């Protein structure tokens, strides 16, 4: 069976538009990943310093926060920062790149 290779101009423009939208979505998601990773690193550092310091200096923290608890606190904050910033960045980039009405 022969494949129908000929496409109408409407089909070609529709495919080009779809490729353009796919490229835009990839760019938006990539920007979100990069921004989220930066936020996660910053949040990890900002959380690790007081968590580790308090676990050494405060009697309650020394008694109740073992190494696993400290790591859980730090990683939870890093994960939350990643997802919040990545989501906000993807939405902001998509909004900025959306077609303007009017």
N, C-alpha and C. Protein backbone atom coordinates (compact mmCIF):
# COMPACT_ATOMS: atom_id res chain seq x y z
N UNK A 1 0.82 -1.17 0.00
CA UNK A 1 0.00 0.00 0.00
C UNK A 1 0.88 1.25 0.00
N UNK A 2 0.59 2.17 -0.85
CA UNK A 2 1.39 3.39 -0.95
C UNK A 2 0.92 4.38 0.12
N UNK A 3 1.89 5.06 0.68
CA UNK A 3 1.61 6.05 1.70
C UNK A 3 1.27 7.38 1.03
N UNK A 4 0.27 8.03 1.52
CA UNK A 4 -0.13 9.32 0.96
C UNK A 4 0.80 10.39 1.54
N UNK A 5 1.81 10.81 0.76
CA UNK A 5 2.81 11.75 1.23
C UNK A 5 2.37 13.19 1.06
N UNK A 6 1.60 13.44 0.05
CA UNK A 6 1.17 14.81 -0.24
C UNK A 6 0.26 15.32 0.88
N UNK A 7 0.58 16.48 1.37
CA UNK A 7 -0.22 17.09 2.43
C UNK A 7 -0.74 18.43 1.94
N UNK A 8 -1.88 18.78 2.41
CA UNK A 8 -2.43 20.08 2.06
C UNK A 8 -1.67 21.16 2.81
N UNK A 9 -1.71 22.39 2.35
CA UNK A 9 -1.04 23.49 3.07
C UNK A 9 -1.56 23.65 4.50
N UNK A 10 -2.83 23.35 4.69
CA UNK A 10 -3.40 23.46 6.03
C UNK A 10 -2.78 22.43 6.97
N UNK A 11 -2.58 21.21 6.47
CA UNK A 11 -1.96 20.17 7.29
C UNK A 11 -0.52 20.52 7.62
N UNK A 12 0.22 21.07 6.64
CA UNK A 12 1.61 21.44 6.89
C UNK A 12 1.70 22.55 7.92
N UNK A 13 0.84 23.56 7.82
CA UNK A 13 0.89 24.66 8.79
C UNK A 13 0.45 24.18 10.17
N UNK A 14 -0.47 23.24 10.20
CA UNK A 14 -0.91 22.69 11.48
C UNK A 14 0.22 21.91 12.15
N UNK A 15 0.98 21.14 11.36
CA UNK A 15 2.12 20.40 11.91
C UNK A 15 3.21 21.35 12.37
N UNK A 16 3.46 22.42 11.62
CA UNK A 16 4.46 23.41 12.02
C UNK A 16 4.04 24.08 13.31
N UNK A 17 2.78 24.40 13.44
CA UNK A 17 2.27 25.02 14.66
C UNK A 17 2.41 24.07 15.85
N UNK A 18 2.13 22.80 15.62
CA UNK A 18 2.26 21.81 16.67
C UNK A 18 3.72 21.65 17.10
N UNK A 19 4.64 21.64 16.15
CA UNK A 19 6.06 21.56 16.47
C UNK A 19 6.51 22.79 17.27
N UNK A 20 6.00 23.95 16.90
CA UNK A 20 6.35 25.17 17.60
C UNK A 20 5.83 25.13 19.04
N UNK A 21 4.61 24.65 19.22
CA UNK A 21 4.05 24.54 20.57
C UNK A 21 4.82 23.53 21.41
N UNK A 22 5.24 22.43 20.79
CA UNK A 22 6.02 21.43 21.52
C UNK A 22 7.37 21.99 21.95
N UNK A 23 8.03 22.75 21.06
CA UNK A 23 9.31 23.37 21.40
C UNK A 23 9.13 24.37 22.54
N UNK A 24 8.04 25.12 22.51
CA UNK A 24 7.76 26.10 23.57
C UNK A 24 7.53 25.38 24.90
N UNK A 25 6.81 24.28 24.88
CA UNK A 25 6.55 23.52 26.11
C UNK A 25 7.85 22.96 26.69
N UNK A 26 8.72 22.47 25.83
CA UNK A 26 10.01 21.96 26.29
C UNK A 26 10.84 23.06 26.92
N UNK A 27 10.83 24.23 26.31
CA UNK A 27 11.61 25.35 26.84
C UNK A 27 11.04 25.79 28.19
N UNK A 28 9.72 25.85 28.30
CA UNK A 28 9.09 26.23 29.57
C UNK A 28 9.44 25.24 30.68
N UNK A 29 9.37 23.96 30.37
CA UNK A 29 9.66 22.96 31.39
C UNK A 29 11.14 22.97 31.77
N UNK A 30 12.01 23.22 30.79
CA UNK A 30 13.44 23.29 31.09
C UNK A 30 13.75 24.47 32.02
N UNK A 31 13.15 25.61 31.74
CA UNK A 31 13.34 26.77 32.61
C UNK A 31 12.84 26.48 34.02
N UNK A 32 11.74 25.74 34.12
CA UNK A 32 11.21 25.37 35.42
C UNK A 32 12.14 24.45 36.19
N UNK A 33 12.73 23.50 35.49
CA UNK A 33 13.66 22.57 36.13
C UNK A 33 14.89 23.30 36.65
N UNK A 34 15.43 24.18 35.84
CA UNK A 34 16.64 24.92 36.24
C UNK A 34 16.34 25.82 37.44
N UNK A 35 15.24 26.56 37.37
CA UNK A 35 14.88 27.44 38.49
C UNK A 35 14.58 26.64 39.75
N UNK A 36 13.91 25.50 39.60
CA UNK A 36 13.62 24.66 40.75
C UNK A 36 14.87 24.09 41.39
N UNK A 37 15.82 23.68 40.56
CA UNK A 37 17.08 23.14 41.09
C UNK A 37 17.85 24.20 41.86
N UNK A 38 17.88 25.41 41.32
CA UNK A 38 18.57 26.50 42.03
C UNK A 38 17.90 26.78 43.37
N UNK A 39 16.58 26.79 43.38
CA UNK A 39 15.86 27.04 44.63
C UNK A 39 16.08 25.92 45.63
N UNK A 40 16.15 24.68 45.16
CA UNK A 40 16.37 23.55 46.06
C UNK A 40 17.75 23.62 46.71
N UNK A 41 18.75 23.99 45.93
CA UNK A 41 20.10 24.12 46.50
C UNK A 41 20.13 25.22 47.55
N UNK A 42 19.55 26.37 47.22
CA UNK A 42 19.52 27.49 48.16
C UNK A 42 18.75 27.13 49.42
N UNK A 43 17.61 26.46 49.26
CA UNK A 43 16.80 26.07 50.42
C UNK A 43 17.52 25.03 51.27
N UNK A 44 18.26 24.14 50.64
CA UNK A 44 19.02 23.14 51.40
C UNK A 44 20.06 23.81 52.28
N UNK A 45 20.77 24.74 51.72
CA UNK A 45 21.80 25.44 52.50
C UNK A 45 21.16 26.27 53.61
N UNK A 46 20.09 26.99 53.26
CA UNK A 46 19.42 27.83 54.25
C UNK A 46 18.79 27.02 55.37
N UNK A 47 18.42 25.79 55.10
CA UNK A 47 17.82 24.94 56.12
C UNK A 47 18.86 24.14 56.89
N UNK A 48 19.91 23.71 56.20
CA UNK A 48 20.93 22.87 56.83
C UNK A 48 21.66 23.59 57.95
N UNK A 49 22.00 24.84 57.72
CA UNK A 49 22.79 25.57 58.73
C UNK A 49 22.06 25.66 60.06
N UNK A 50 20.83 26.17 60.12
CA UNK A 50 20.19 26.24 61.45
C UNK A 50 19.80 24.86 62.00
N UNK A 51 19.46 23.92 61.12
CA UNK A 51 19.09 22.59 61.61
C UNK A 51 20.28 21.91 62.27
N UNK A 52 21.40 21.91 61.59
CA UNK A 52 22.59 21.26 62.15
C UNK A 52 23.11 22.01 63.37
N UNK A 53 23.06 23.32 63.33
CA UNK A 53 23.53 24.10 64.48
C UNK A 53 22.64 23.86 65.70
N UNK A 54 21.33 23.86 65.51
CA UNK A 54 20.44 23.65 66.65
C UNK A 54 20.56 22.23 67.20
N UNK A 55 20.84 21.26 66.32
CA UNK A 55 21.00 19.88 66.79
C UNK A 55 22.27 19.73 67.63
N UNK A 56 23.20 20.65 67.47
CA UNK A 56 24.43 20.59 68.28
C UNK A 56 24.32 21.42 69.55
N UNK A 57 23.57 22.52 69.50
CA UNK A 57 23.58 23.48 70.61
C UNK A 57 22.40 23.37 71.56
N UNK A 58 21.22 23.08 71.05
CA UNK A 58 20.04 23.06 71.91
C UNK A 58 19.85 21.67 72.53
N UNK A 59 19.66 21.61 73.82
CA UNK A 59 19.51 20.31 74.49
C UNK A 59 18.32 19.50 73.96
N UNK A 60 17.17 20.15 73.71
CA UNK A 60 16.02 19.41 73.21
C UNK A 60 16.31 18.84 71.83
N UNK A 61 16.88 19.64 70.94
CA UNK A 61 17.17 19.17 69.59
C UNK A 61 18.22 18.07 69.62
N UNK A 62 19.21 18.20 70.49
CA UNK A 62 20.24 17.16 70.58
C UNK A 62 19.63 15.84 71.03
N UNK A 63 18.65 15.91 71.91
CA UNK A 63 18.03 14.68 72.42
C UNK A 63 17.02 14.08 71.44
N UNK A 64 16.37 14.90 70.64
CA UNK A 64 15.25 14.40 69.83
C UNK A 64 15.48 14.36 68.32
N UNK A 65 16.48 15.05 67.80
CA UNK A 65 16.71 15.07 66.36
C UNK A 65 17.96 14.26 66.02
N UNK A 66 17.75 13.01 65.64
CA UNK A 66 18.89 12.20 65.21
C UNK A 66 19.25 12.57 63.77
N UNK A 67 20.24 11.93 63.20
CA UNK A 67 20.70 12.27 61.85
C UNK A 67 19.61 12.09 60.80
N UNK A 68 18.79 11.06 60.96
CA UNK A 68 17.71 10.83 60.01
C UNK A 68 16.69 11.97 60.04
N UNK A 69 16.34 12.43 61.21
CA UNK A 69 15.39 13.53 61.34
C UNK A 69 15.94 14.81 60.74
N UNK A 70 17.22 15.06 60.96
CA UNK A 70 17.84 16.25 60.38
C UNK A 70 17.83 16.19 58.86
N UNK A 71 18.18 15.03 58.31
CA UNK A 71 18.17 14.87 56.86
C UNK A 71 16.76 15.00 56.30
N UNK A 72 15.77 14.49 57.02
CA UNK A 72 14.39 14.59 56.58
C UNK A 72 13.91 16.04 56.55
N UNK A 73 14.28 16.81 57.55
CA UNK A 73 13.91 18.23 57.58
C UNK A 73 14.51 18.95 56.38
N UNK A 74 15.78 18.74 56.15
CA UNK A 74 16.48 19.44 55.07
C UNK A 74 15.94 19.02 53.70
N UNK A 75 15.76 17.72 53.49
CA UNK A 75 15.31 17.25 52.18
C UNK A 75 13.86 17.62 51.90
N UNK A 76 13.03 17.69 52.94
CA UNK A 76 11.64 18.10 52.75
C UNK A 76 11.56 19.56 52.29
N UNK A 77 12.34 20.40 52.90
CA UNK A 77 12.35 21.81 52.51
C UNK A 77 12.90 21.96 51.09
N UNK A 78 13.94 21.21 50.76
CA UNK A 78 14.51 21.29 49.41
C UNK A 78 13.51 20.81 48.36
N UNK A 79 12.83 19.72 48.64
CA UNK A 79 11.83 19.21 47.70
C UNK A 79 10.67 20.16 47.51
N UNK A 80 10.20 20.74 48.60
CA UNK A 80 9.10 21.70 48.51
C UNK A 80 9.52 22.92 47.71
N UNK A 81 10.72 23.42 47.96
CA UNK A 81 11.20 24.59 47.23
C UNK A 81 11.31 24.27 45.74
N UNK A 82 11.81 23.09 45.41
CA UNK A 82 11.95 22.71 44.00
C UNK A 82 10.59 22.73 43.30
N UNK A 83 9.61 22.05 43.86
CA UNK A 83 8.32 21.93 43.19
C UNK A 83 7.57 23.26 43.14
N UNK A 84 7.65 24.05 44.19
CA UNK A 84 6.96 25.34 44.18
C UNK A 84 7.55 26.27 43.14
N UNK A 85 8.88 26.39 43.13
CA UNK A 85 9.52 27.31 42.19
C UNK A 85 9.40 26.80 40.76
N UNK A 86 9.55 25.50 40.54
CA UNK A 86 9.43 24.96 39.19
C UNK A 86 8.02 25.19 38.65
N UNK A 87 7.01 24.97 39.47
CA UNK A 87 5.63 25.17 39.03
C UNK A 87 5.37 26.64 38.71
N UNK A 88 5.80 27.53 39.58
CA UNK A 88 5.59 28.96 39.33
C UNK A 88 6.35 29.42 38.08
N UNK A 89 7.54 28.88 37.86
CA UNK A 89 8.32 29.27 36.69
C UNK A 89 7.68 28.78 35.40
N UNK A 90 7.22 27.54 35.40
CA UNK A 90 6.56 27.00 34.20
C UNK A 90 5.31 27.81 33.88
N UNK A 91 4.51 28.11 34.89
CA UNK A 91 3.29 28.88 34.65
C UNK A 91 3.60 30.30 34.18
N UNK A 92 4.60 30.93 34.77
CA UNK A 92 4.96 32.29 34.36
C UNK A 92 5.51 32.31 32.94
N UNK A 93 6.31 31.31 32.59
CA UNK A 93 6.87 31.24 31.25
C UNK A 93 5.78 30.97 30.23
N UNK A 94 4.87 30.08 30.56
CA UNK A 94 3.77 29.79 29.64
C UNK A 94 2.87 31.02 29.46
N UNK A 95 2.62 31.73 30.54
CA UNK A 95 1.79 32.94 30.45
C UNK A 95 2.48 34.00 29.59
N UNK A 96 3.79 34.14 29.78
CA UNK A 96 4.55 35.13 29.02
C UNK A 96 4.58 34.80 27.54
N UNK A 97 4.60 33.50 27.22
CA UNK A 97 4.71 33.08 25.83
C UNK A 97 3.38 32.78 25.17
N UNK A 98 2.30 32.92 25.88
CA UNK A 98 1.00 32.61 25.29
C UNK A 98 0.63 33.68 24.26
N UNK A 99 -0.27 33.32 23.40
CA UNK A 99 -0.70 34.26 22.37
C UNK A 99 -1.52 35.36 23.01
N UNK A 100 -1.22 36.57 22.63
CA UNK A 100 -1.95 37.71 23.17
C UNK A 100 -3.26 37.89 22.42
N UNK A 101 -4.30 38.13 23.17
CA UNK A 101 -5.61 38.31 22.54
C UNK A 101 -5.80 39.78 22.20
N UNK A 102 -6.53 39.99 21.11
CA UNK A 102 -6.88 41.35 20.78
C UNK A 102 -6.23 41.85 19.61
